[in-house]
N, C-alpha and C. Protein backbone atom coordinates (compact mmCIF):
# COMPACT_ATOMS: atom_id res chain seq x y z
N MET A 1 16.58 10.30 -6.51
CA MET A 1 15.82 9.46 -5.70
C MET A 1 14.93 10.12 -4.27
N ASN A 2 14.09 9.72 -4.36
CA ASN A 2 13.16 10.27 -3.13
C ASN A 2 12.44 9.27 -2.36
N GLN A 3 11.90 9.67 -1.13
CA GLN A 3 11.60 8.32 -0.47
C GLN A 3 10.25 8.81 0.33
N GLU A 4 8.82 8.47 0.07
CA GLU A 4 7.63 8.68 1.04
C GLU A 4 7.59 7.57 1.76
N THR A 5 7.14 8.08 3.07
CA THR A 5 6.84 7.18 4.11
C THR A 5 5.20 7.11 4.37
N ILE A 6 4.41 6.47 4.45
CA ILE A 6 2.98 6.37 4.40
C ILE A 6 2.56 5.39 5.59
N ILE A 7 1.69 5.99 6.71
CA ILE A 7 1.35 4.99 7.61
C ILE A 7 -0.14 4.52 7.18
N ILE A 8 -0.61 3.14 6.97
CA ILE A 8 -1.78 2.95 6.54
C ILE A 8 -2.50 2.02 7.65
N ASP A 9 -3.90 2.17 7.40
CA ASP A 9 -5.07 1.04 7.94
C ASP A 9 -5.08 -0.06 7.13
N ASN A 10 -5.88 -1.27 7.76
CA ASN A 10 -6.41 -2.24 7.29
C ASN A 10 -5.03 -3.29 7.01
N LEU A 11 -4.03 -3.21 7.19
CA LEU A 11 -2.83 -3.63 7.12
C LEU A 11 -2.69 -4.77 8.09
N LYS A 12 -3.03 -6.16 7.64
CA LYS A 12 -2.96 -7.31 8.59
C LYS A 12 -2.00 -8.58 8.71
N CYS A 13 -1.39 -8.53 7.63
CA CYS A 13 -0.59 -9.79 7.80
C CYS A 13 0.41 -9.69 6.23
N GLY A 14 1.14 -10.68 6.17
CA GLY A 14 1.77 -11.01 4.76
C GLY A 14 1.18 -10.58 3.43
N GLY A 15 -0.23 -11.23 3.52
CA GLY A 15 -0.89 -10.96 2.29
C GLY A 15 -1.06 -9.87 1.96
N CYS A 16 -1.46 -9.05 2.85
CA CYS A 16 -1.81 -7.71 2.46
C CYS A 16 -0.41 -7.11 2.22
N ALA A 17 0.56 -7.39 2.93
CA ALA A 17 1.96 -6.72 2.38
C ALA A 17 2.27 -6.92 1.07
N ASN A 18 1.76 -8.08 0.62
CA ASN A 18 2.23 -8.77 -0.79
C ASN A 18 1.63 -7.62 -1.98
N THR A 19 0.45 -7.52 -1.44
CA THR A 19 -0.67 -6.96 -2.43
C THR A 19 -0.14 -5.37 -2.45
N VAL A 20 0.24 -4.78 -1.18
CA VAL A 20 0.79 -3.18 -1.21
C VAL A 20 1.73 -2.93 -2.06
N LYS A 21 2.80 -4.11 -1.95
CA LYS A 21 3.85 -4.19 -2.73
C LYS A 21 4.07 -4.39 -3.85
N LYS A 22 3.15 -5.27 -4.55
CA LYS A 22 2.94 -5.62 -5.78
C LYS A 22 2.34 -4.36 -6.51
N GLN A 23 1.26 -3.76 -5.83
CA GLN A 23 0.48 -2.30 -6.43
C GLN A 23 1.08 -1.19 -6.81
N LEU A 24 1.93 -1.25 -5.42
CA LEU A 24 2.90 0.02 -5.73
C LEU A 24 4.13 -0.05 -6.53
N SER A 25 4.74 -1.43 -6.43
CA SER A 25 6.21 -1.50 -7.67
C SER A 25 5.45 -1.62 -8.90
N GLY A 26 4.39 -1.64 -9.17
CA GLY A 26 3.98 -1.80 -10.65
C GLY A 26 3.87 -0.68 -11.17
N MET A 27 4.10 0.54 -10.40
CA MET A 27 3.78 1.94 -10.97
C MET A 27 5.29 2.56 -11.67
N GLU A 28 4.71 3.32 -12.35
CA GLU A 28 5.91 3.71 -13.31
C GLU A 28 6.42 4.77 -12.32
N GLY A 29 7.92 4.90 -12.16
CA GLY A 29 8.57 5.83 -11.24
C GLY A 29 9.09 5.22 -10.05
N VAL A 30 8.58 4.12 -9.67
CA VAL A 30 8.72 3.69 -8.18
C VAL A 30 9.81 2.66 -8.15
N GLN A 31 10.72 2.86 -7.52
CA GLN A 31 11.64 2.17 -7.84
C GLN A 31 11.89 0.65 -6.62
N ASN A 32 11.23 1.16 -5.08
CA ASN A 32 11.43 -0.14 -4.44
C ASN A 32 10.27 0.40 -3.46
N VAL A 33 9.65 -0.98 -2.81
CA VAL A 33 8.63 -0.64 -1.94
C VAL A 33 9.14 -1.47 -0.68
N SER A 34 8.80 -1.17 0.49
CA SER A 34 9.04 -2.10 1.82
C SER A 34 7.67 -1.67 2.73
N VAL A 35 7.61 -2.63 3.19
CA VAL A 35 6.05 -2.61 4.07
C VAL A 35 6.64 -3.63 5.45
N ASP A 36 6.20 -2.81 6.55
CA ASP A 36 6.36 -3.53 7.78
C ASP A 36 5.18 -3.60 8.23
N VAL A 37 4.63 -4.84 8.52
CA VAL A 37 3.30 -5.31 9.29
C VAL A 37 3.45 -4.79 10.56
N GLU A 38 4.09 -4.95 11.22
CA GLU A 38 3.70 -4.35 12.77
C GLU A 38 3.67 -3.01 12.72
N THR A 39 4.22 -2.29 12.00
CA THR A 39 3.82 -0.76 12.24
C THR A 39 2.92 -0.06 11.24
N SER A 40 2.44 -1.18 10.13
CA SER A 40 1.70 -0.87 9.11
C SER A 40 2.04 0.71 8.38
N THR A 41 3.72 0.67 8.22
CA THR A 41 4.56 1.63 7.45
C THR A 41 4.95 1.23 6.11
N VAL A 42 4.52 1.64 5.40
CA VAL A 42 4.96 1.64 3.85
C VAL A 42 6.07 2.61 3.32
N VAL A 43 7.09 2.32 3.02
CA VAL A 43 8.02 2.94 2.50
C VAL A 43 8.35 2.99 0.90
N VAL A 44 8.45 4.23 0.61
CA VAL A 44 8.18 3.79 -1.31
C VAL A 44 9.71 4.80 -1.66
N GLU A 45 10.32 4.03 -2.36
CA GLU A 45 11.41 4.97 -3.09
C GLU A 45 10.99 5.37 -4.51
N LYS A 46 11.10 6.43 -4.89
CA LYS A 46 10.60 6.85 -6.14
C LYS A 46 11.06 7.81 -6.73
N GLU A 47 10.48 8.28 -8.03
CA GLU A 47 11.35 9.38 -8.90
C GLU A 47 10.58 10.81 -8.39
N GLU A 48 11.08 11.84 -8.43
CA GLU A 48 10.34 13.29 -8.22
C GLU A 48 8.80 13.14 -8.72
N GLY A 49 8.78 12.84 -9.92
CA GLY A 49 7.45 13.03 -10.84
C GLY A 49 6.44 12.06 -10.06
N VAL A 50 6.94 11.07 -9.29
CA VAL A 50 5.41 10.24 -8.40
C VAL A 50 5.11 11.17 -7.26
N SER A 51 4.10 11.56 -6.99
CA SER A 51 3.26 12.39 -6.11
C SER A 51 2.94 11.64 -4.51
N ARG A 52 2.89 11.94 -3.76
CA ARG A 52 2.29 11.15 -2.61
C ARG A 52 0.76 11.14 -2.51
N GLY A 53 0.26 12.20 -3.55
CA GLY A 53 -1.29 11.67 -3.53
C GLY A 53 -1.66 10.52 -4.71
N VAL A 54 -1.00 10.31 -5.42
CA VAL A 54 -1.02 9.24 -6.65
C VAL A 54 -0.83 7.97 -5.76
N LEU A 55 0.20 7.81 -5.05
CA LEU A 55 0.48 6.63 -4.00
C LEU A 55 -0.68 6.56 -3.12
N LEU A 56 -1.14 7.59 -2.67
CA LEU A 56 -2.37 7.44 -1.36
C LEU A 56 -3.66 6.78 -2.42
N GLU A 57 -3.84 7.33 -3.53
CA GLU A 57 -5.02 6.90 -4.67
C GLU A 57 -4.78 5.70 -4.65
N ARG A 58 -3.62 4.77 -4.88
CA ARG A 58 -3.70 3.57 -5.15
C ARG A 58 -3.53 2.70 -4.18
N LEU A 59 -3.22 3.14 -3.11
CA LEU A 59 -3.35 2.37 -1.55
C LEU A 59 -4.96 2.32 -1.39
N GLU A 60 -5.60 3.53 -1.48
CA GLU A 60 -6.99 3.51 -0.94
C GLU A 60 -7.72 2.50 -1.96
N LYS A 61 -7.50 2.36 -3.20
CA LYS A 61 -8.16 1.39 -4.25
C LYS A 61 -8.35 0.20 -3.74
N TRP A 62 -7.15 -0.37 -3.01
CA TRP A 62 -6.87 -1.59 -2.97
C TRP A 62 -7.71 -2.08 -1.21
N GLY A 63 -7.93 -0.51 -0.58
CA GLY A 63 -8.40 -0.60 0.81
C GLY A 63 -7.49 -0.32 2.21
N TYR A 64 -6.28 0.16 1.53
CA TYR A 64 -5.23 0.39 2.61
C TYR A 64 -5.12 1.96 2.54
N PRO A 65 -6.11 2.60 3.15
CA PRO A 65 -5.98 4.31 2.88
C PRO A 65 -4.79 4.93 4.08
N GLU A 66 -4.59 6.21 4.10
CA GLU A 66 -3.38 6.30 4.81
C GLU A 66 -4.34 6.58 6.60
N VAL A 67 -3.57 5.90 7.24
CA VAL A 67 -4.18 6.05 8.60
C VAL A 67 -5.02 6.99 9.24
N GLY A 68 -6.38 6.71 9.33
CA GLY A 68 -7.47 7.67 9.83
C GLY A 68 -8.16 8.47 8.89
N THR A 69 -8.09 7.88 7.66
CA THR A 69 -8.74 8.34 6.66
C THR A 69 -9.88 7.21 6.19
N GLY A 70 -9.74 6.05 6.48
CA GLY A 70 -10.63 4.94 5.61
C GLY A 70 -11.93 4.89 6.16
N ASN A 71 -12.77 4.34 5.61
CA ASN A 71 -14.12 3.84 6.23
C ASN A 71 -14.26 2.19 5.81
N LEU A 72 -15.51 1.84 6.07
CA LEU A 72 -16.11 0.20 6.03
C LEU A 72 -15.68 -0.13 4.67
N VAL A 73 -15.96 0.45 3.47
CA VAL A 73 -15.78 0.16 2.39
C VAL A 73 -14.55 -0.35 2.01
N GLN A 74 -13.50 0.35 2.38
CA GLN A 74 -12.17 0.08 2.14
C GLN A 74 -11.69 -0.86 3.18
N LYS A 75 -12.02 -1.04 4.42
CA LYS A 75 -11.94 -2.06 5.22
C LYS A 75 -12.28 -3.43 4.36
N ALA A 76 -13.62 -3.23 3.84
CA ALA A 76 -13.92 -4.62 2.85
C ALA A 76 -12.95 -5.19 1.95
N LYS A 77 -12.55 -4.20 1.38
CA LYS A 77 -11.78 -4.25 -0.11
C LYS A 77 -10.57 -5.00 0.36
N SER A 78 -9.89 -4.38 2.02
CA SER A 78 -8.51 -4.98 2.28
C SER A 78 -8.64 -6.22 2.56
N TYR A 79 -9.81 -7.15 3.06
CA TYR A 79 -9.64 -8.19 3.16
C TYR A 79 -9.47 -9.27 1.82
N VAL A 80 -10.25 -8.61 0.64
CA VAL A 80 -10.48 -9.09 -0.48
C VAL A 80 -8.74 -8.84 -0.85
N SER A 81 -8.19 -7.76 -0.91
CA SER A 81 -6.79 -7.68 -1.59
C SER A 81 -5.59 -8.68 -0.55
N CYS A 82 -6.11 -8.71 0.65
CA CYS A 82 -5.29 -9.68 1.54
C CYS A 82 -5.32 -11.09 1.02
N ALA A 83 -6.46 -11.57 0.73
CA ALA A 83 -6.57 -12.65 0.12
C ALA A 83 -5.90 -13.02 -1.31
N ILE A 84 -6.17 -11.91 -2.39
CA ILE A 84 -5.33 -12.07 -3.21
C ILE A 84 -3.97 -12.09 -3.14
N GLY A 85 -3.27 -11.25 -2.11
CA GLY A 85 -1.94 -11.48 -1.83
C GLY A 85 -1.60 -12.68 -1.46
N ARG A 86 -2.51 -13.29 -0.56
CA ARG A 86 -1.91 -14.66 0.05
C ARG A 86 -1.52 -15.49 -1.41
N LEU A 87 -2.66 -15.79 -1.85
CA LEU A 87 -2.26 -16.31 -3.20
C LEU A 87 -1.14 -16.05 -4.03
N ASP A 88 -0.82 -14.82 -4.36
CA ASP A 88 0.16 -14.36 -4.98
C ASP A 88 1.51 -14.67 -4.32
N GLY A 89 1.58 -14.43 -3.42
CA GLY A 89 2.69 -14.68 -2.28
C GLY A 89 3.44 -15.88 -2.23
């Protein structure tokens, strides 16, 4: 088992955290996901075959890019993802 720590942009609340956890936990090879809203930190326990790049792609798709790499479109996506996370949570 291997651990990846990623600091992301646009993480605002528990709804955002729920979306991040759900999206990453559903990936093959991901064993556990923890999200710290205060520090915008995501920690993923994963198998060796799951690359950091694949995790970053999934996060970017939902509006949560690695810190310093985002844009306005991703910020807008994060608001929608946040709302979904609040409904699912």
